[in-house]
N, C-alpha and C. Protein backbone atom coordinates (compact mmCIF):
# COMPACT_ATOMS: atom_id res chain seq x y z
N MET A 1 30.60 15.45 -3.57
CA MET A 1 30.24 15.16 -2.21
C MET A 1 30.62 13.72 -1.82
N VAL A 2 30.37 12.79 -2.73
CA VAL A 2 30.73 11.39 -2.49
C VAL A 2 32.25 11.26 -2.45
N TYR A 3 32.89 11.95 -3.37
CA TYR A 3 34.35 11.89 -3.45
C TYR A 3 34.97 12.41 -2.16
N GLU A 4 34.43 13.50 -1.62
CA GLU A 4 34.98 14.09 -0.39
C GLU A 4 34.82 13.11 0.77
N LYS A 5 33.64 12.46 0.85
CA LYS A 5 33.39 11.48 1.93
C LYS A 5 34.33 10.30 1.81
N LEU A 6 34.58 9.86 0.59
CA LEU A 6 35.46 8.71 0.40
C LEU A 6 36.91 9.07 0.76
N LEU A 7 37.31 10.31 0.53
CA LEU A 7 38.64 10.73 0.90
C LEU A 7 38.83 10.75 2.40
N GLN A 8 37.74 11.02 3.15
CA GLN A 8 37.82 11.07 4.60
C GLN A 8 38.01 9.66 5.20
N LYS A 9 37.52 8.67 4.51
CA LYS A 9 37.65 7.29 5.02
C LYS A 9 39.10 6.82 4.88
N ILE A 10 39.47 5.96 5.80
CA ILE A 10 40.84 5.41 5.79
C ILE A 10 40.90 4.31 4.75
N GLU A 11 41.95 4.31 3.94
CA GLU A 11 42.11 3.28 2.91
C GLU A 11 42.43 1.94 3.56
N GLN A 12 41.78 0.93 3.04
CA GLN A 12 41.98 -0.43 3.54
C GLN A 12 42.86 -1.19 2.54
N LYS A 13 43.61 -2.13 3.06
CA LYS A 13 44.47 -2.94 2.17
C LYS A 13 43.69 -4.03 1.48
N GLU A 14 42.64 -4.51 2.13
CA GLU A 14 41.82 -5.57 1.53
C GLU A 14 40.73 -4.95 0.66
N VAL A 15 40.46 -5.65 -0.44
CA VAL A 15 39.46 -5.16 -1.39
C VAL A 15 38.06 -5.23 -0.76
N ASN A 16 37.77 -6.28 0.01
CA ASN A 16 36.47 -6.42 0.63
C ASN A 16 36.17 -5.28 1.60
N HIS A 17 37.15 -4.92 2.42
CA HIS A 17 36.94 -3.82 3.36
C HIS A 17 36.76 -2.50 2.63
N GLU A 18 37.52 -2.31 1.57
CA GLU A 18 37.44 -1.10 0.75
C GLU A 18 36.04 -0.99 0.12
N TRP A 19 35.56 -2.13 -0.41
CA TRP A 19 34.23 -2.15 -0.99
C TRP A 19 33.15 -1.84 0.04
N LYS A 20 33.27 -2.39 1.26
CA LYS A 20 32.30 -2.12 2.30
C LYS A 20 32.31 -0.62 2.68
N ASN A 21 33.49 -0.01 2.72
CA ASN A 21 33.59 1.44 3.00
C ASN A 21 32.85 2.23 1.93
N ILE A 22 33.10 1.88 0.66
CA ILE A 22 32.45 2.59 -0.44
C ILE A 22 30.94 2.42 -0.38
N LYS A 23 30.48 1.21 -0.14
CA LYS A 23 29.05 0.92 -0.08
C LYS A 23 28.38 1.68 1.07
N ILE A 24 28.98 1.63 2.24
CA ILE A 24 28.42 2.32 3.42
C ILE A 24 28.39 3.82 3.17
N THR A 25 29.43 4.37 2.59
CA THR A 25 29.47 5.82 2.31
C THR A 25 28.37 6.23 1.34
N ILE A 26 28.20 5.47 0.27
CA ILE A 26 27.16 5.82 -0.71
C ILE A 26 25.79 5.69 -0.09
N LEU A 27 25.54 4.66 0.68
CA LEU A 27 24.22 4.50 1.31
C LEU A 27 23.95 5.61 2.31
N GLU A 28 24.95 6.01 3.11
CA GLU A 28 24.78 7.10 4.07
C GLU A 28 24.43 8.40 3.35
N LEU A 29 25.15 8.69 2.29
CA LEU A 29 24.89 9.92 1.55
C LEU A 29 23.52 9.87 0.87
N ALA A 30 23.16 8.75 0.32
CA ALA A 30 21.86 8.64 -0.32
C ALA A 30 20.75 8.87 0.68
N GLU A 31 20.88 8.30 1.87
CA GLU A 31 19.85 8.50 2.89
C GLU A 31 19.83 9.93 3.37
N GLU A 32 20.98 10.55 3.46
CA GLU A 32 21.08 11.94 3.90
C GLU A 32 20.47 12.91 2.86
N ILE A 33 20.76 12.66 1.59
CA ILE A 33 20.30 13.57 0.56
C ILE A 33 18.85 13.26 0.15
N ILE A 34 18.58 12.00 -0.16
CA ILE A 34 17.26 11.64 -0.68
C ILE A 34 16.24 11.49 0.44
N LYS A 35 16.64 10.94 1.55
CA LYS A 35 15.80 10.65 2.70
C LYS A 35 14.76 9.59 2.35
N THR A 36 14.20 8.98 3.37
CA THR A 36 13.22 7.95 3.15
C THR A 36 11.82 8.54 3.25
N ARG A 37 10.93 8.02 2.44
CA ARG A 37 9.56 8.46 2.46
C ARG A 37 8.74 7.55 3.33
N GLU A 38 7.76 8.14 4.01
CA GLU A 38 6.87 7.33 4.81
C GLU A 38 5.98 6.50 3.90
N LYS A 39 5.64 5.32 4.36
CA LYS A 39 4.78 4.43 3.59
C LYS A 39 3.39 4.98 3.61
N HIS A 40 2.80 5.12 2.44
CA HIS A 40 1.46 5.65 2.31
C HIS A 40 0.48 4.53 2.07
N THR A 41 -0.51 4.42 2.91
CA THR A 41 -1.49 3.37 2.77
C THR A 41 -2.67 3.87 1.96
N CYS A 42 -3.13 3.05 1.04
CA CYS A 42 -4.27 3.43 0.22
C CYS A 42 -5.59 3.18 0.97
N ASN A 43 -5.59 2.22 1.86
CA ASN A 43 -6.81 1.88 2.60
C ASN A 43 -6.97 2.81 3.78
N LYS A 44 -7.87 3.76 3.64
CA LYS A 44 -8.08 4.71 4.74
C LYS A 44 -8.95 4.13 5.84
N TRP A 45 -9.56 2.98 5.55
CA TRP A 45 -10.40 2.33 6.55
C TRP A 45 -9.58 1.35 7.41
N TRP A 46 -8.29 1.17 7.13
CA TRP A 46 -7.46 0.22 7.84
C TRP A 46 -7.09 0.80 9.20
N PHE A 47 -7.58 0.21 10.27
CA PHE A 47 -7.33 0.71 11.62
C PHE A 47 -6.54 -0.31 12.41
N GLU A 48 -6.21 0.07 13.65
CA GLU A 48 -5.43 -0.82 14.51
C GLU A 48 -6.14 -2.12 14.80
N GLU A 49 -7.49 -2.07 14.92
CA GLU A 49 -8.23 -3.29 15.18
C GLU A 49 -8.02 -4.31 14.04
N CYS A 50 -8.03 -3.81 12.80
CA CYS A 50 -7.80 -4.68 11.65
C CYS A 50 -6.38 -5.27 11.71
N LYS A 51 -5.43 -4.44 12.04
CA LYS A 51 -4.04 -4.88 12.12
C LYS A 51 -3.87 -5.95 13.18
N GLU A 52 -4.49 -5.75 14.33
CA GLU A 52 -4.39 -6.73 15.41
C GLU A 52 -5.05 -8.06 15.01
N ALA A 53 -6.22 -7.99 14.41
CA ALA A 53 -6.92 -9.19 14.00
C ALA A 53 -6.11 -9.98 12.97
N ILE A 54 -5.51 -9.26 12.03
CA ILE A 54 -4.71 -9.93 11.00
C ILE A 54 -3.47 -10.56 11.63
N SER A 55 -2.84 -9.87 12.59
CA SER A 55 -1.66 -10.47 13.21
C SER A 55 -2.02 -11.71 14.03
N LYS A 56 -3.19 -11.69 14.71
CA LYS A 56 -3.66 -12.89 15.42
C LYS A 56 -3.90 -14.05 14.44
N LYS A 57 -4.45 -13.71 13.30
CA LYS A 57 -4.71 -14.73 12.25
C LYS A 57 -3.38 -15.34 11.77
N HIS A 58 -2.37 -14.50 11.55
CA HIS A 58 -1.07 -14.99 11.11
C HIS A 58 -0.42 -15.91 12.16
N ILE A 59 -0.57 -15.52 13.42
CA ILE A 59 0.02 -16.34 14.50
C ILE A 59 -0.70 -17.70 14.52
N ALA A 60 -2.02 -17.70 14.42
CA ALA A 60 -2.76 -18.97 14.41
C ALA A 60 -2.41 -19.80 13.19
N ARG A 61 -2.20 -19.16 12.07
CA ARG A 61 -1.83 -19.89 10.85
C ARG A 61 -0.47 -20.55 11.00
N ASN A 62 0.50 -19.79 11.52
CA ASN A 62 1.83 -20.37 11.71
C ASN A 62 1.81 -21.53 12.69
N LYS A 63 0.99 -21.38 13.73
CA LYS A 63 0.86 -22.46 14.72
C LYS A 63 0.26 -23.70 14.07
N CYS A 64 -0.73 -23.46 13.19
CA CYS A 64 -1.41 -24.56 12.50
C CYS A 64 -0.44 -25.24 11.50
N LEU A 65 0.40 -24.46 10.87
CA LEU A 65 1.35 -25.04 9.91
C LEU A 65 2.45 -25.85 10.60
N GLN A 66 2.83 -25.40 11.80
CA GLN A 66 3.86 -26.10 12.53
C GLN A 66 3.40 -27.44 13.07
N LYS A 67 2.20 -27.41 13.63
CA LYS A 67 1.64 -28.64 14.20
C LYS A 67 0.17 -28.73 13.77
N ARG A 68 -0.10 -29.58 12.82
CA ARG A 68 -1.42 -29.64 12.24
C ARG A 68 -2.33 -30.58 13.08
N THR A 69 -3.08 -29.96 14.00
CA THR A 69 -4.06 -30.70 14.77
C THR A 69 -5.44 -30.09 14.52
N ARG A 70 -6.45 -30.79 14.94
CA ARG A 70 -7.82 -30.27 14.77
C ARG A 70 -8.02 -29.00 15.58
N ALA A 71 -7.45 -28.93 16.75
CA ALA A 71 -7.62 -27.77 17.61
C ALA A 71 -6.91 -26.54 16.96
N ASN A 72 -5.69 -26.72 16.46
CA ASN A 72 -5.01 -25.62 15.80
C ASN A 72 -5.73 -25.19 14.53
N GLN A 73 -6.26 -26.16 13.78
CA GLN A 73 -7.01 -25.83 12.58
C GLN A 73 -8.26 -25.04 12.91
N GLU A 74 -8.94 -25.42 14.00
CA GLU A 74 -10.16 -24.72 14.43
C GLU A 74 -9.83 -23.30 14.89
N GLN A 75 -8.71 -23.15 15.63
CA GLN A 75 -8.30 -21.79 16.08
C GLN A 75 -7.99 -20.90 14.91
N TYR A 76 -7.31 -21.48 13.89
CA TYR A 76 -6.98 -20.69 12.70
C TYR A 76 -8.26 -20.27 11.96
N THR A 77 -9.18 -21.21 11.82
CA THR A 77 -10.43 -20.90 11.13
C THR A 77 -11.21 -19.79 11.86
N GLN A 78 -11.27 -19.87 13.19
CA GLN A 78 -11.94 -18.84 13.97
C GLN A 78 -11.23 -17.48 13.85
N ALA A 79 -9.91 -17.49 13.91
CA ALA A 79 -9.16 -16.24 13.78
C ALA A 79 -9.34 -15.61 12.39
N ARG A 80 -9.40 -16.45 11.38
CA ARG A 80 -9.60 -15.98 10.03
C ARG A 80 -10.98 -15.36 9.84
N LYS A 81 -12.00 -16.02 10.39
CA LYS A 81 -13.37 -15.48 10.29
C LYS A 81 -13.47 -14.16 11.06
N GLU A 82 -12.86 -14.11 12.23
CA GLU A 82 -12.90 -12.89 13.04
C GLU A 82 -12.19 -11.74 12.32
N ALA A 83 -11.05 -12.00 11.72
CA ALA A 83 -10.32 -10.96 11.03
C ALA A 83 -11.12 -10.44 9.82
N ASN A 84 -11.69 -11.35 9.06
CA ASN A 84 -12.52 -10.96 7.91
C ASN A 84 -13.70 -10.11 8.36
N LYS A 85 -14.35 -10.52 9.47
CA LYS A 85 -15.51 -9.82 9.96
C LYS A 85 -15.15 -8.38 10.39
N ILE A 86 -14.06 -8.26 11.13
CA ILE A 86 -13.62 -6.94 11.61
C ILE A 86 -13.28 -6.03 10.43
N CYS A 87 -12.53 -6.56 9.48
CA CYS A 87 -12.11 -5.72 8.31
C CYS A 87 -13.31 -5.31 7.49
N LYS A 88 -14.25 -6.22 7.27
CA LYS A 88 -15.46 -5.87 6.50
C LYS A 88 -16.27 -4.77 7.21
N GLU A 89 -16.42 -4.92 8.54
CA GLU A 89 -17.19 -3.91 9.32
C GLU A 89 -16.52 -2.54 9.24
N LYS A 90 -15.19 -2.51 9.39
CA LYS A 90 -14.48 -1.23 9.36
C LYS A 90 -14.57 -0.59 7.98
N MET A 91 -14.49 -1.42 6.92
CA MET A 91 -14.60 -0.87 5.58
C MET A 91 -16.01 -0.33 5.33
N LYS A 92 -17.00 -1.07 5.82
CA LYS A 92 -18.38 -0.62 5.62
C LYS A 92 -18.64 0.68 6.38
N GLN A 93 -18.13 0.79 7.59
CA GLN A 93 -18.28 2.04 8.35
C GLN A 93 -17.61 3.20 7.64
N TRP A 94 -16.40 2.94 7.12
CA TRP A 94 -15.68 4.02 6.44
C TRP A 94 -16.42 4.47 5.20
N LEU A 95 -16.94 3.51 4.41
CA LEU A 95 -17.70 3.84 3.22
C LEU A 95 -18.97 4.63 3.54
N ASN A 96 -19.69 4.22 4.58
CA ASN A 96 -20.90 4.94 4.97
C ASN A 96 -20.57 6.37 5.40
N ASN A 97 -19.51 6.53 6.17
CA ASN A 97 -19.10 7.89 6.59
C ASN A 97 -18.70 8.72 5.36
N ARG A 98 -17.99 8.08 4.44
CA ARG A 98 -17.55 8.80 3.23
C ARG A 98 -18.73 9.24 2.39
N ILE A 99 -19.76 8.37 2.27
CA ILE A 99 -20.96 8.71 1.49
C ILE A 99 -21.71 9.85 2.16
N LYS A 100 -21.78 9.84 3.50
CA LYS A 100 -22.43 10.95 4.21
C LYS A 100 -21.72 12.26 3.97
N GLN A 101 -20.38 12.22 3.97
CA GLN A 101 -19.61 13.44 3.70
C GLN A 101 -19.86 13.95 2.29
N ILE A 102 -19.97 13.05 1.34
CA ILE A 102 -20.22 13.45 -0.05
C ILE A 102 -21.62 14.04 -0.18
N GLU A 103 -22.59 13.46 0.53
CA GLU A 103 -23.95 14.04 0.51
C GLU A 103 -23.96 15.44 1.12
N GLU A 104 -23.20 15.62 2.17
CA GLU A 104 -23.10 16.97 2.78
C GLU A 104 -22.50 17.99 1.82
N THR A 105 -21.45 17.60 1.10
CA THR A 105 -20.88 18.54 0.14
C THR A 105 -21.85 18.84 -0.97
N HIS A 106 -22.69 17.88 -1.33
CA HIS A 106 -23.70 18.12 -2.36
C HIS A 106 -24.77 19.09 -1.85
N LYS A 107 -25.18 18.92 -0.59
CA LYS A 107 -26.18 19.80 0.00
C LYS A 107 -25.65 21.23 0.15
N GLN A 108 -24.34 21.37 0.34
CA GLN A 108 -23.73 22.68 0.51
C GLN A 108 -23.35 23.32 -0.82
N SER A 109 -23.74 22.68 -1.92
CA SER A 109 -23.51 23.18 -3.27
C SER A 109 -22.04 23.38 -3.59
N GLU A 110 -21.18 22.49 -3.08
CA GLU A 110 -19.79 22.52 -3.43
C GLU A 110 -19.57 21.51 -4.56
N THR A 111 -19.95 21.89 -5.77
CA THR A 111 -19.96 20.93 -6.88
C THR A 111 -18.57 20.41 -7.24
N ARG A 112 -17.58 21.28 -7.21
CA ARG A 112 -16.22 20.85 -7.58
C ARG A 112 -15.72 19.78 -6.64
N LYS A 113 -15.92 19.97 -5.33
CA LYS A 113 -15.49 18.99 -4.33
C LYS A 113 -16.35 17.74 -4.42
N PHE A 114 -17.63 17.92 -4.70
CA PHE A 114 -18.56 16.80 -4.83
C PHE A 114 -18.10 15.84 -5.93
N PHE A 115 -17.81 16.37 -7.14
CA PHE A 115 -17.42 15.51 -8.23
C PHE A 115 -16.04 14.91 -8.02
N LYS A 116 -15.18 15.65 -7.33
CA LYS A 116 -13.86 15.11 -7.00
C LYS A 116 -14.00 13.90 -6.04
N ASP A 117 -14.91 14.00 -5.06
CA ASP A 117 -15.13 12.92 -4.14
C ASP A 117 -15.83 11.73 -4.82
N ILE A 118 -16.72 12.02 -5.75
CA ILE A 118 -17.43 10.95 -6.44
C ILE A 118 -16.45 10.12 -7.28
N ARG A 119 -15.40 10.74 -7.78
CA ARG A 119 -14.46 10.06 -8.66
C ARG A 119 -13.85 8.81 -8.00
N ILE A 120 -13.73 8.80 -6.66
CA ILE A 120 -13.12 7.63 -6.02
C ILE A 120 -14.01 6.40 -6.12
N PHE A 121 -15.31 6.59 -6.37
CA PHE A 121 -16.20 5.44 -6.45
C PHE A 121 -16.39 4.96 -7.89
N GLN A 122 -15.83 5.68 -8.85
CA GLN A 122 -15.97 5.26 -10.25
C GLN A 122 -15.02 4.13 -10.54
N ASN A 123 -15.46 3.24 -11.37
CA ASN A 123 -14.63 2.11 -11.79
C ASN A 123 -13.98 2.48 -13.11
N ASN A 124 -12.67 2.71 -13.10
CA ASN A 124 -11.96 3.11 -14.29
C ASN A 124 -11.27 1.93 -14.98
N SER A 125 -11.82 0.75 -14.83
CA SER A 125 -11.17 -0.43 -15.38
C SER A 125 -11.77 -0.84 -16.72
N SER A 126 -12.41 0.09 -17.45
CA SER A 126 -12.97 -0.25 -18.75
C SER A 126 -11.84 -0.40 -19.75
N PRO A 127 -12.02 -1.30 -20.70
CA PRO A 127 -10.93 -1.51 -21.68
C PRO A 127 -10.82 -0.32 -22.63
N PRO A 128 -9.62 -0.08 -23.15
CA PRO A 128 -9.47 1.04 -24.07
C PRO A 128 -10.19 0.80 -25.38
N ILE A 129 -10.63 1.87 -26.01
CA ILE A 129 -11.32 1.77 -27.30
C ILE A 129 -10.30 2.16 -28.37
N PHE A 130 -10.09 1.26 -29.32
CA PHE A 130 -9.14 1.52 -30.38
C PHE A 130 -9.90 2.06 -31.60
N ILE A 131 -9.49 3.20 -32.08
CA ILE A 131 -10.08 3.82 -33.23
C ILE A 131 -9.01 3.96 -34.31
N PHE A 132 -9.35 3.59 -35.52
CA PHE A 132 -8.39 3.72 -36.61
C PHE A 132 -9.12 4.21 -37.84
N LYS A 133 -8.33 4.66 -38.83
CA LYS A 133 -8.89 5.12 -40.10
C LYS A 133 -8.64 4.06 -41.17
N ASP A 134 -9.68 3.83 -42.00
CA ASP A 134 -9.48 2.91 -43.10
C ASP A 134 -8.88 3.64 -44.29
N GLU A 135 -8.87 3.00 -45.50
CA GLU A 135 -8.23 3.59 -46.66
C GLU A 135 -8.95 4.88 -47.09
N ASN A 136 -10.23 4.97 -46.85
CA ASN A 136 -11.02 6.13 -47.27
C ASN A 136 -10.90 7.29 -46.28
N GLY A 137 -10.32 7.07 -45.10
CA GLY A 137 -10.16 8.11 -44.11
C GLY A 137 -11.28 8.20 -43.10
N THR A 138 -12.22 7.22 -43.13
CA THR A 138 -13.31 7.21 -42.16
C THR A 138 -12.87 6.50 -40.89
N LEU A 139 -13.34 6.98 -39.78
CA LEU A 139 -12.98 6.39 -38.49
C LEU A 139 -13.72 5.09 -38.24
N LYS A 140 -13.00 4.10 -37.79
CA LYS A 140 -13.58 2.77 -37.46
C LYS A 140 -13.18 2.42 -36.05
N THR A 141 -14.07 1.63 -35.41
CA THR A 141 -13.73 1.14 -34.08
C THR A 141 -13.46 -0.34 -34.12
């Protein structure tokens, strides 16, 4: 398929133009065959309000970095506090709604779904336990 596409392109006398043709052809075919995947966000509590607040904070920060005055520093501090407040509230609301949904599944005796939902709140960051056998063949930790 790549070979056929390359044959359709007009040969260039310059190496740089030929390389650009090859590169463009391969990228076009890759996008056509593989396609791009949509970006998946892990934070389900991330809403437009959070995004707006963060962008305002970034604008204030850039302004503060360009011209460091007390007024710009104060605006950045306020924007940062506001962004943190909005994000914390949204996350708290999302968690409360999620807990209510889990309680409802428990009340409806949907145990499989209940334990699946509970798994998201478990902390799986415990260190691995190494077990080995000594010379006698007994297990040691």
